[in-house]
Amino acid sequence: MHVIVVGVGAMGAATCWRLASRGVAVTGIEQFRLGHARGSSHGESRLIRQAYFEHPDYVPLLREAYAGWHALGDDLLQPTGVVLAGPAEGEVIAGSRRSAEEHGIPVRWHPTGDACPELAAFALPSHFAAVVEPGAGWLPVERCVLAMADAARAAG
């Protein structure tokens, strides 16, 4: 089997890498140079976190993503921690809490945003809560695309 991937941004480069690492013959086609600024995978950074407020079902995928970033090199995932704030029962805080509790993700909860030391410089509404995920961080997205493309080439 031979797979052709059209577009080698973040998703295309990841697809090429993971397929090639499984022994699949892959050709990635990109109309611009790799790491270009004309698509959705350009810019300096993207946040990454595991206490995914959108739904706990994403957490196993995120754990695989973390493992993949570490496999590509220790200089890609920058674990700076991420602080989220919003209404305590709102989608962001309640969803993050649900994901963290269901999957044992280390986080610190602050029932009021003003109790969160990381937010001390901000005047938050009194009904805001905060969650700090120390293991979250950011990725240098253009370097990540290039690293995945290099790993795909190295895998054949």
N, C-alpha and C. Protein backbone atom coordinates (compact mmCIF):
# COMPACT_ATOMS: atom_id res chain seq x y z
N MET A 1 0.84 -1.17 0.00
CA MET A 1 0.00 0.00 0.00
C MET A 1 0.89 1.24 0.00
N HIS A 2 0.47 2.25 -0.73
CA HIS A 2 1.16 3.53 -0.75
C HIS A 2 0.12 4.61 -0.48
N VAL A 3 0.43 5.51 0.45
CA VAL A 3 -0.48 6.58 0.82
C VAL A 3 0.11 7.90 0.37
N ILE A 4 -0.74 8.74 -0.20
CA ILE A 4 -0.33 10.10 -0.56
C ILE A 4 -1.07 11.05 0.37
N VAL A 5 -0.31 11.92 1.02
CA VAL A 5 -0.88 12.92 1.92
C VAL A 5 -0.73 14.27 1.25
N VAL A 6 -1.86 14.94 1.01
CA VAL A 6 -1.84 16.25 0.36
C VAL A 6 -1.93 17.31 1.45
N GLY A 7 -0.88 18.10 1.56
CA GLY A 7 -0.78 19.13 2.59
C GLY A 7 0.06 18.61 3.74
N VAL A 8 1.22 19.21 3.94
CA VAL A 8 2.13 18.74 4.99
C VAL A 8 2.32 19.84 6.04
N GLY A 9 1.17 20.25 6.60
CA GLY A 9 1.18 21.11 7.77
C GLY A 9 1.22 20.20 9.00
N ALA A 10 0.66 20.64 10.09
CA ALA A 10 0.71 19.85 11.33
C ALA A 10 0.05 18.49 11.15
N MET A 11 -1.16 18.46 10.64
CA MET A 11 -1.88 17.19 10.51
C MET A 11 -1.25 16.31 9.43
N GLY A 12 -0.88 16.89 8.29
CA GLY A 12 -0.27 16.11 7.23
C GLY A 12 1.08 15.55 7.62
N ALA A 13 1.90 16.37 8.28
CA ALA A 13 3.22 15.90 8.72
C ALA A 13 3.08 14.81 9.76
N ALA A 14 2.12 14.96 10.67
CA ALA A 14 1.88 13.92 11.68
C ALA A 14 1.42 12.63 11.02
N THR A 15 0.55 12.74 10.03
CA THR A 15 0.07 11.56 9.32
C THR A 15 1.21 10.86 8.61
N CYS A 16 2.04 11.62 7.92
CA CYS A 16 3.20 11.02 7.23
C CYS A 16 4.11 10.31 8.23
N TRP A 17 4.41 10.97 9.34
CA TRP A 17 5.31 10.40 10.35
C TRP A 17 4.76 9.11 10.93
N ARG A 18 3.50 9.14 11.36
CA ARG A 18 2.94 7.96 12.03
C ARG A 18 2.76 6.80 11.06
N LEU A 19 2.36 7.08 9.82
CA LEU A 19 2.25 6.00 8.84
C LEU A 19 3.61 5.43 8.49
N ALA A 20 4.58 6.30 8.23
CA ALA A 20 5.93 5.82 7.88
C ALA A 20 6.53 5.01 9.02
N SER A 21 6.26 5.41 10.25
CA SER A 21 6.82 4.68 11.39
C SER A 21 6.18 3.30 11.54
N ARG A 22 5.06 3.09 10.88
CA ARG A 22 4.39 1.78 10.88
C ARG A 22 4.73 0.98 9.62
N GLY A 23 5.67 1.49 8.83
CA GLY A 23 6.11 0.77 7.64
C GLY A 23 5.30 1.01 6.38
N VAL A 24 4.39 1.97 6.42
CA VAL A 24 3.58 2.29 5.25
C VAL A 24 4.38 3.22 4.33
N ALA A 25 4.35 2.97 3.05
CA ALA A 25 4.99 3.86 2.08
C ALA A 25 4.14 5.13 1.97
N VAL A 26 4.75 6.28 2.19
CA VAL A 26 4.01 7.55 2.23
C VAL A 26 4.72 8.58 1.37
N THR A 27 3.94 9.35 0.64
CA THR A 27 4.46 10.52 -0.06
C THR A 27 3.64 11.71 0.41
N GLY A 28 4.32 12.72 0.94
CA GLY A 28 3.66 13.95 1.35
C GLY A 28 3.85 15.00 0.27
N ILE A 29 2.76 15.65 -0.10
CA ILE A 29 2.80 16.69 -1.13
C ILE A 29 2.42 18.02 -0.49
N GLU A 30 3.28 19.00 -0.65
CA GLU A 30 3.05 20.34 -0.09
C GLU A 30 3.36 21.36 -1.18
N GLN A 31 2.46 22.30 -1.39
CA GLN A 31 2.67 23.27 -2.46
C GLN A 31 3.69 24.36 -2.10
N PHE A 32 3.95 24.56 -0.82
CA PHE A 32 4.93 25.55 -0.39
C PHE A 32 6.06 24.83 0.33
N ARG A 33 7.04 25.58 0.81
CA ARG A 33 8.12 24.95 1.58
C ARG A 33 7.54 24.46 2.91
N LEU A 34 8.15 23.44 3.49
CA LEU A 34 7.67 22.95 4.78
C LEU A 34 7.85 24.04 5.84
N GLY A 35 6.88 24.17 6.69
CA GLY A 35 6.93 25.17 7.74
C GLY A 35 6.56 26.57 7.27
N HIS A 36 5.84 26.67 6.16
CA HIS A 36 5.47 27.98 5.60
C HIS A 36 4.42 28.68 6.47
N ALA A 37 4.15 29.94 6.16
CA ALA A 37 3.22 30.75 6.95
C ALA A 37 1.88 30.94 6.25
N ARG A 38 1.52 30.06 5.33
CA ARG A 38 0.29 30.23 4.57
C ARG A 38 -0.85 29.30 4.99
N GLY A 39 -0.71 28.60 6.06
CA GLY A 39 -1.75 27.66 6.48
C GLY A 39 -2.06 27.79 7.95
N SER A 40 -2.85 26.86 8.43
CA SER A 40 -3.27 26.93 9.84
C SER A 40 -2.17 26.47 10.80
N SER A 41 -1.09 25.92 10.28
CA SER A 41 -0.01 25.42 11.15
C SER A 41 1.16 26.39 11.23
N HIS A 42 0.90 27.66 11.02
CA HIS A 42 2.01 28.61 11.12
C HIS A 42 1.87 29.42 12.41
N GLY A 43 2.90 30.15 12.71
CA GLY A 43 2.91 30.96 13.92
C GLY A 43 3.93 30.43 14.90
N GLU A 44 4.03 31.11 15.98
CA GLU A 44 5.05 30.78 16.98
C GLU A 44 4.67 29.62 17.88
N SER A 45 3.39 29.52 18.27
CA SER A 45 3.08 28.54 19.31
C SER A 45 1.63 28.10 19.28
N ARG A 46 1.40 26.96 19.93
CA ARG A 46 0.07 26.44 20.22
C ARG A 46 0.10 25.88 21.63
N LEU A 47 -0.99 26.09 22.37
CA LEU A 47 -1.11 25.53 23.71
C LEU A 47 -1.36 24.03 23.62
N ILE A 48 -0.90 23.31 24.63
CA ILE A 48 -1.22 21.89 24.75
C ILE A 48 -1.53 21.63 26.22
N ARG A 49 -2.58 20.87 26.44
CA ARG A 49 -3.04 20.55 27.79
C ARG A 49 -3.73 19.21 27.76
N GLN A 50 -3.82 18.57 28.91
CA GLN A 50 -4.49 17.27 28.98
C GLN A 50 -5.87 17.36 29.62
N ALA A 51 -6.07 18.28 30.55
CA ALA A 51 -7.39 18.44 31.18
C ALA A 51 -8.29 19.17 30.19
N TYR A 52 -8.64 18.46 29.15
CA TYR A 52 -9.31 19.03 27.99
C TYR A 52 -10.77 19.27 28.32
N PHE A 53 -11.18 20.54 28.38
CA PHE A 53 -12.53 20.85 28.80
C PHE A 53 -13.58 20.43 27.78
N GLU A 54 -13.18 20.25 26.54
CA GLU A 54 -14.15 19.92 25.50
C GLU A 54 -14.82 18.57 25.74
N HIS A 55 -14.04 17.57 26.21
CA HIS A 55 -14.62 16.28 26.60
C HIS A 55 -13.51 15.37 27.12
N PRO A 56 -13.79 14.59 28.17
CA PRO A 56 -12.77 13.67 28.71
C PRO A 56 -12.30 12.61 27.72
N ASP A 57 -13.11 12.30 26.71
CA ASP A 57 -12.71 11.28 25.74
C ASP A 57 -11.45 11.67 24.96
N TYR A 58 -11.11 12.94 24.94
CA TYR A 58 -9.90 13.38 24.24
C TYR A 58 -8.61 13.06 25.01
N VAL A 59 -8.72 12.85 26.31
CA VAL A 59 -7.53 12.71 27.15
C VAL A 59 -6.61 11.57 26.70
N PRO A 60 -7.11 10.37 26.39
CA PRO A 60 -6.18 9.33 25.91
C PRO A 60 -5.42 9.76 24.64
N LEU A 61 -6.08 10.47 23.75
CA LEU A 61 -5.40 10.97 22.55
C LEU A 61 -4.32 11.99 22.92
N LEU A 62 -4.62 12.83 23.89
CA LEU A 62 -3.64 13.82 24.32
C LEU A 62 -2.44 13.18 24.99
N ARG A 63 -2.67 12.11 25.73
CA ARG A 63 -1.54 11.39 26.34
C ARG A 63 -0.64 10.80 25.26
N GLU A 64 -1.25 10.28 24.19
CA GLU A 64 -0.45 9.80 23.07
C GLU A 64 0.30 10.95 22.40
N ALA A 65 -0.35 12.10 22.29
CA ALA A 65 0.30 13.26 21.69
C ALA A 65 1.51 13.68 22.52
N TYR A 66 1.36 13.72 23.84
CA TYR A 66 2.49 14.07 24.71
C TYR A 66 3.65 13.11 24.48
N ALA A 67 3.33 11.81 24.41
CA ALA A 67 4.38 10.80 24.18
C ALA A 67 5.05 11.04 22.83
N GLY A 68 4.26 11.38 21.83
CA GLY A 68 4.82 11.67 20.51
C GLY A 68 5.73 12.87 20.51
N TRP A 69 5.33 13.93 21.20
CA TRP A 69 6.20 15.12 21.25
C TRP A 69 7.51 14.79 21.95
N HIS A 70 7.44 14.01 23.02
CA HIS A 70 8.68 13.61 23.71
C HIS A 70 9.55 12.73 22.81
N ALA A 71 8.92 11.87 22.02
CA ALA A 71 9.68 11.00 21.11
C ALA A 71 10.41 11.81 20.04
N LEU A 72 9.84 12.93 19.66
CA LEU A 72 10.47 13.78 18.63
C LEU A 72 11.62 14.61 19.18
N GLY A 73 11.68 14.79 20.48
CA GLY A 73 12.76 15.57 21.08
C GLY A 73 12.28 16.36 22.26
N ASP A 74 13.16 16.53 23.23
CA ASP A 74 12.79 17.21 24.47
C ASP A 74 12.65 18.71 24.33
N ASP A 75 13.01 19.27 23.17
CA ASP A 75 12.95 20.71 23.03
C ASP A 75 11.65 21.21 22.40
N LEU A 76 10.72 20.32 22.08
CA LEU A 76 9.48 20.75 21.44
C LEU A 76 8.40 21.12 22.46
N LEU A 77 8.00 20.18 23.29
CA LEU A 77 6.97 20.48 24.28
C LEU A 77 7.58 21.29 25.41
N GLN A 78 7.06 22.48 25.62
CA GLN A 78 7.55 23.38 26.66
C GLN A 78 6.54 23.40 27.81
N PRO A 79 6.81 22.64 28.88
CA PRO A 79 5.84 22.55 29.98
C PRO A 79 5.90 23.76 30.90
N THR A 80 5.16 24.78 30.56
CA THR A 80 5.14 26.02 31.34
C THR A 80 3.97 26.08 32.30
N GLY A 81 3.03 25.16 32.14
CA GLY A 81 1.79 25.24 32.90
C GLY A 81 0.82 26.14 32.17
N VAL A 82 -0.47 25.89 32.38
CA VAL A 82 -1.52 26.70 31.78
C VAL A 82 -2.55 27.00 32.86
N VAL A 83 -3.02 28.24 32.88
CA VAL A 83 -4.06 28.66 33.82
C VAL A 83 -5.30 29.00 33.02
N LEU A 84 -6.42 28.42 33.41
CA LEU A 84 -7.70 28.73 32.80
C LEU A 84 -8.60 29.35 33.86
N ALA A 85 -9.36 30.36 33.48
CA ALA A 85 -10.28 31.00 34.42
C ALA A 85 -11.61 31.24 33.73
N GLY A 86 -12.67 31.18 34.50
CA GLY A 86 -14.00 31.42 33.97
C GLY A 86 -15.04 31.10 35.03
N PRO A 87 -16.30 31.20 34.67
CA PRO A 87 -17.35 30.86 35.64
C PRO A 87 -17.17 29.43 36.13
N ALA A 88 -17.34 29.23 37.43
CA ALA A 88 -17.09 27.92 38.04
C ALA A 88 -17.89 26.81 37.38
N GLU A 89 -19.11 27.06 36.99
CA GLU A 89 -19.95 26.04 36.37
C GLU A 89 -19.96 26.15 34.85
N GLY A 90 -19.11 27.02 34.30
CA GLY A 90 -19.04 27.18 32.86
C GLY A 90 -18.32 26.02 32.19
N GLU A 91 -18.38 25.98 30.88
CA GLU A 91 -17.82 24.87 30.11
C GLU A 91 -16.33 24.66 30.36
N VAL A 92 -15.56 25.74 30.43
CA VAL A 92 -14.10 25.62 30.55
C VAL A 92 -13.69 25.03 31.90
N ILE A 93 -14.16 25.61 32.98
CA ILE A 93 -13.75 25.15 34.31
C ILE A 93 -14.38 23.80 34.64
N ALA A 94 -15.68 23.66 34.47
CA ALA A 94 -16.35 22.40 34.78
C ALA A 94 -15.84 21.27 33.89
N GLY A 95 -15.63 21.54 32.61
CA GLY A 95 -15.13 20.52 31.70
C GLY A 95 -13.70 20.10 32.01
N SER A 96 -12.85 21.07 32.35
CA SER A 96 -11.47 20.75 32.73
C SER A 96 -11.45 19.89 33.98
N ARG A 97 -12.28 20.26 34.93
CA ARG A 97 -12.35 19.49 36.18
C ARG A 97 -12.80 18.06 35.92
N ARG A 98 -13.80 17.89 35.07
CA ARG A 98 -14.30 16.55 34.74
C ARG A 98 -13.19 15.70 34.10
N SER A 99 -12.50 16.25 33.11
CA SER A 99 -11.42 15.51 32.46
C SER A 99 -10.33 15.14 33.45
N ALA A 100 -9.94 16.10 34.28
CA ALA A 100 -8.87 15.85 35.25
C ALA A 100 -9.27 14.77 36.25
N GLU A 101 -10.49 14.83 36.74
CA GLU A 101 -10.94 13.85 37.72
C GLU A 101 -11.07 12.46 37.10
N GLU A 102 -11.62 12.37 35.89
CA GLU A 102 -11.81 11.06 35.26
C GLU A 102 -10.49 10.39 34.89
N HIS A 103 -9.45 11.20 34.63
CA HIS A 103 -8.20 10.63 34.13
C HIS A 103 -7.00 10.86 35.06
N GLY A 104 -7.24 11.37 36.25
CA GLY A 104 -6.16 11.55 37.22
C GLY A 104 -5.08 12.53 36.77
N ILE A 105 -5.48 13.59 36.13
CA ILE A 105 -4.53 14.60 35.66
C ILE A 105 -4.25 15.56 36.82
N PRO A 106 -2.98 15.77 37.15
CA PRO A 106 -2.66 16.69 38.24
C PRO A 106 -3.01 18.14 37.88
N VAL A 107 -3.91 18.71 38.64
CA VAL A 107 -4.29 20.12 38.49
C VAL A 107 -4.50 20.72 39.87
N ARG A 108 -4.48 22.04 39.92
CA ARG A 108 -4.82 22.77 41.15
C ARG A 108 -6.08 23.58 40.87
N TRP A 109 -7.06 23.42 41.75
CA TRP A 109 -8.33 24.12 41.60
C TRP A 109 -8.38 25.30 42.56
N HIS A 110 -8.94 26.39 42.09
CA HIS A 110 -9.16 27.57 42.92
C HIS A 110 -10.62 27.97 42.74
N PRO A 111 -11.44 27.81 43.78
CA PRO A 111 -12.87 28.09 43.64
C PRO A 111 -13.16 29.54 43.31
N THR A 112 -12.22 30.43 43.62
CA THR A 112 -12.35 31.82 43.18
C THR A 112 -11.04 32.21 42.49
N GLY A 113 -11.18 32.91 41.39
CA GLY A 113 -9.99 33.30 40.62
C GLY A 113 -9.01 34.13 41.41
N ASP A 114 -9.52 34.94 42.36
CA ASP A 114 -8.61 35.79 43.13
C ASP A 114 -7.78 34.99 44.12
N ALA A 115 -8.12 33.70 44.33
CA ALA A 115 -7.32 32.84 45.21
C ALA A 115 -6.18 32.16 44.45
N CYS A 116 -6.11 32.38 43.15
CA CYS A 116 -5.09 31.74 42.31
C CYS A 116 -3.87 32.66 42.20
N PRO A 117 -2.72 32.26 42.76
CA PRO A 117 -1.54 33.13 42.74
C PRO A 117 -1.10 33.51 41.32
N GLU A 118 -1.31 32.60 40.37
CA GLU A 118 -0.90 32.88 38.99
C GLU A 118 -1.74 34.00 38.35
N LEU A 119 -2.89 34.30 38.95
CA LEU A 119 -3.77 35.34 38.41
C LEU A 119 -3.82 36.58 39.30
N ALA A 120 -2.88 36.71 40.22
CA ALA A 120 -2.91 37.81 41.19
C ALA A 120 -2.90 39.18 40.53
N ALA A 121 -2.32 39.31 39.35
CA ALA A 121 -2.23 40.61 38.67
C ALA A 121 -3.52 41.00 37.95
N PHE A 122 -4.52 40.10 37.95
CA PHE A 122 -5.75 40.34 37.21
C PHE A 122 -6.92 40.57 38.15
N ALA A 123 -7.82 41.44 37.76
CA ALA A 123 -9.06 41.67 38.51
C ALA A 123 -10.15 40.84 37.85
N LEU A 124 -10.42 39.66 38.41
CA LEU A 124 -11.41 38.76 37.84
C LEU A 124 -12.77 38.96 38.50
N PRO A 125 -13.84 38.69 37.76
CA PRO A 125 -15.17 38.75 38.37
C PRO A 125 -15.25 37.78 39.55
N SER A 126 -16.05 38.11 40.53
CA SER A 126 -16.12 37.31 41.76
C SER A 126 -16.64 35.89 41.52
N HIS A 127 -17.38 35.66 40.45
CA HIS A 127 -17.92 34.32 40.20
C HIS A 127 -16.96 33.45 39.37
N PHE A 128 -15.77 33.95 39.09
CA PHE A 128 -14.79 33.17 38.33
C PHE A 128 -14.02 32.22 39.24
N ALA A 129 -13.75 31.05 38.72
CA ALA A 129 -12.87 30.07 39.35
C ALA A 129 -11.67 29.90 38.43
N ALA A 130 -10.67 29.16 38.89
CA ALA A 130 -9.48 28.94 38.07
C ALA A 130 -8.98 27.52 38.24
N VAL A 131 -8.33 27.02 37.19
CA VAL A 131 -7.68 25.72 37.23
C VAL A 131 -6.28 25.92 36.66
N VAL A 132 -5.30 25.35 37.37
CA VAL A 132 -3.90 25.41 36.94
C VAL A 132 -3.48 23.98 36.60
N GLU A 133 -3.01 23.81 35.37
CA GLU A 133 -2.50 22.50 34.95
C GLU A 133 -0.99 22.63 34.74
N PRO A 134 -0.19 22.24 35.75
CA PRO A 134 1.26 22.42 35.66
C PRO A 134 1.92 21.68 34.51
N GLY A 135 1.37 20.54 34.09
CA GLY A 135 1.97 19.76 33.01
C GLY A 135 1.63 20.25 31.62
N ALA A 136 0.75 21.22 31.52
CA ALA A 136 0.40 21.79 30.22
C ALA A 136 1.50 22.75 29.77
N GLY A 137 1.41 23.19 28.56
CA GLY A 137 2.42 24.12 28.08
C GLY A 137 2.15 24.57 26.66
N TRP A 138 3.23 24.69 25.90
CA TRP A 138 3.08 25.16 24.52
C TRP A 138 4.05 24.43 23.61
N LEU A 139 3.73 24.48 22.32
CA LEU A 139 4.55 23.85 21.28
C LEU A 139 4.95 24.90 20.26
N PRO A 140 6.21 24.90 19.81
CA PRO A 140 6.62 25.79 18.71
C PRO A 140 6.15 25.16 17.39
N VAL A 141 4.98 25.55 16.93
CA VAL A 141 4.25 24.81 15.91
C VAL A 141 5.04 24.62 14.61
N GLU A 142 5.70 25.62 14.11
CA GLU A 142 6.44 25.46 12.85
C GLU A 142 7.60 24.49 13.02
N ARG A 143 8.30 24.55 14.16
CA ARG A 143 9.37 23.58 14.43
C ARG A 143 8.80 22.17 14.57
N CYS A 144 7.60 22.06 15.11
CA CYS A 144 6.95 20.75 15.26
C CYS A 144 6.65 20.15 13.89
N VAL A 145 6.15 20.95 12.97
CA VAL A 145 5.87 20.46 11.62
C VAL A 145 7.15 19.93 10.99
N LEU A 146 8.23 20.68 11.10
CA LEU A 146 9.50 20.25 10.52
C LEU A 146 10.02 18.99 11.21
N ALA A 147 9.87 18.89 12.51
CA ALA A 147 10.34 17.70 13.24
C ALA A 147 9.57 16.46 12.81
N MET A 148 8.26 16.60 12.64
CA MET A 148 7.46 15.45 12.20
C MET A 148 7.81 15.05 10.77
N ALA A 149 8.02 16.02 9.91
CA ALA A 149 8.41 15.72 8.53
C ALA A 149 9.78 15.03 8.51
N ASP A 150 10.71 15.51 9.33
CA ASP A 150 12.04 14.86 9.41
C ASP A 150 11.91 13.43 9.93
N ALA A 151 11.05 13.23 10.92
CA ALA A 151 10.86 11.88 11.47
C ALA A 151 10.22 10.97 10.43
N ALA A 152 9.32 11.50 9.61
CA ALA A 152 8.72 10.70 8.53
C ALA A 152 9.77 10.29 7.52
N ARG A 153 10.64 11.23 7.15
CA ARG A 153 11.73 10.91 6.21
C ARG A 153 12.65 9.84 6.81
N ALA A 154 12.98 10.01 8.08
CA ALA A 154 13.88 9.05 8.74
C ALA A 154 13.27 7.65 8.80
N ALA A 155 11.93 7.60 8.87
CA ALA A 155 11.25 6.30 8.93
C ALA A 155 11.03 5.71 7.54
N GLY A 156 11.47 6.43 6.51
CA GLY A 156 11.38 5.89 5.15
C GLY A 156 10.39 6.58 4.28
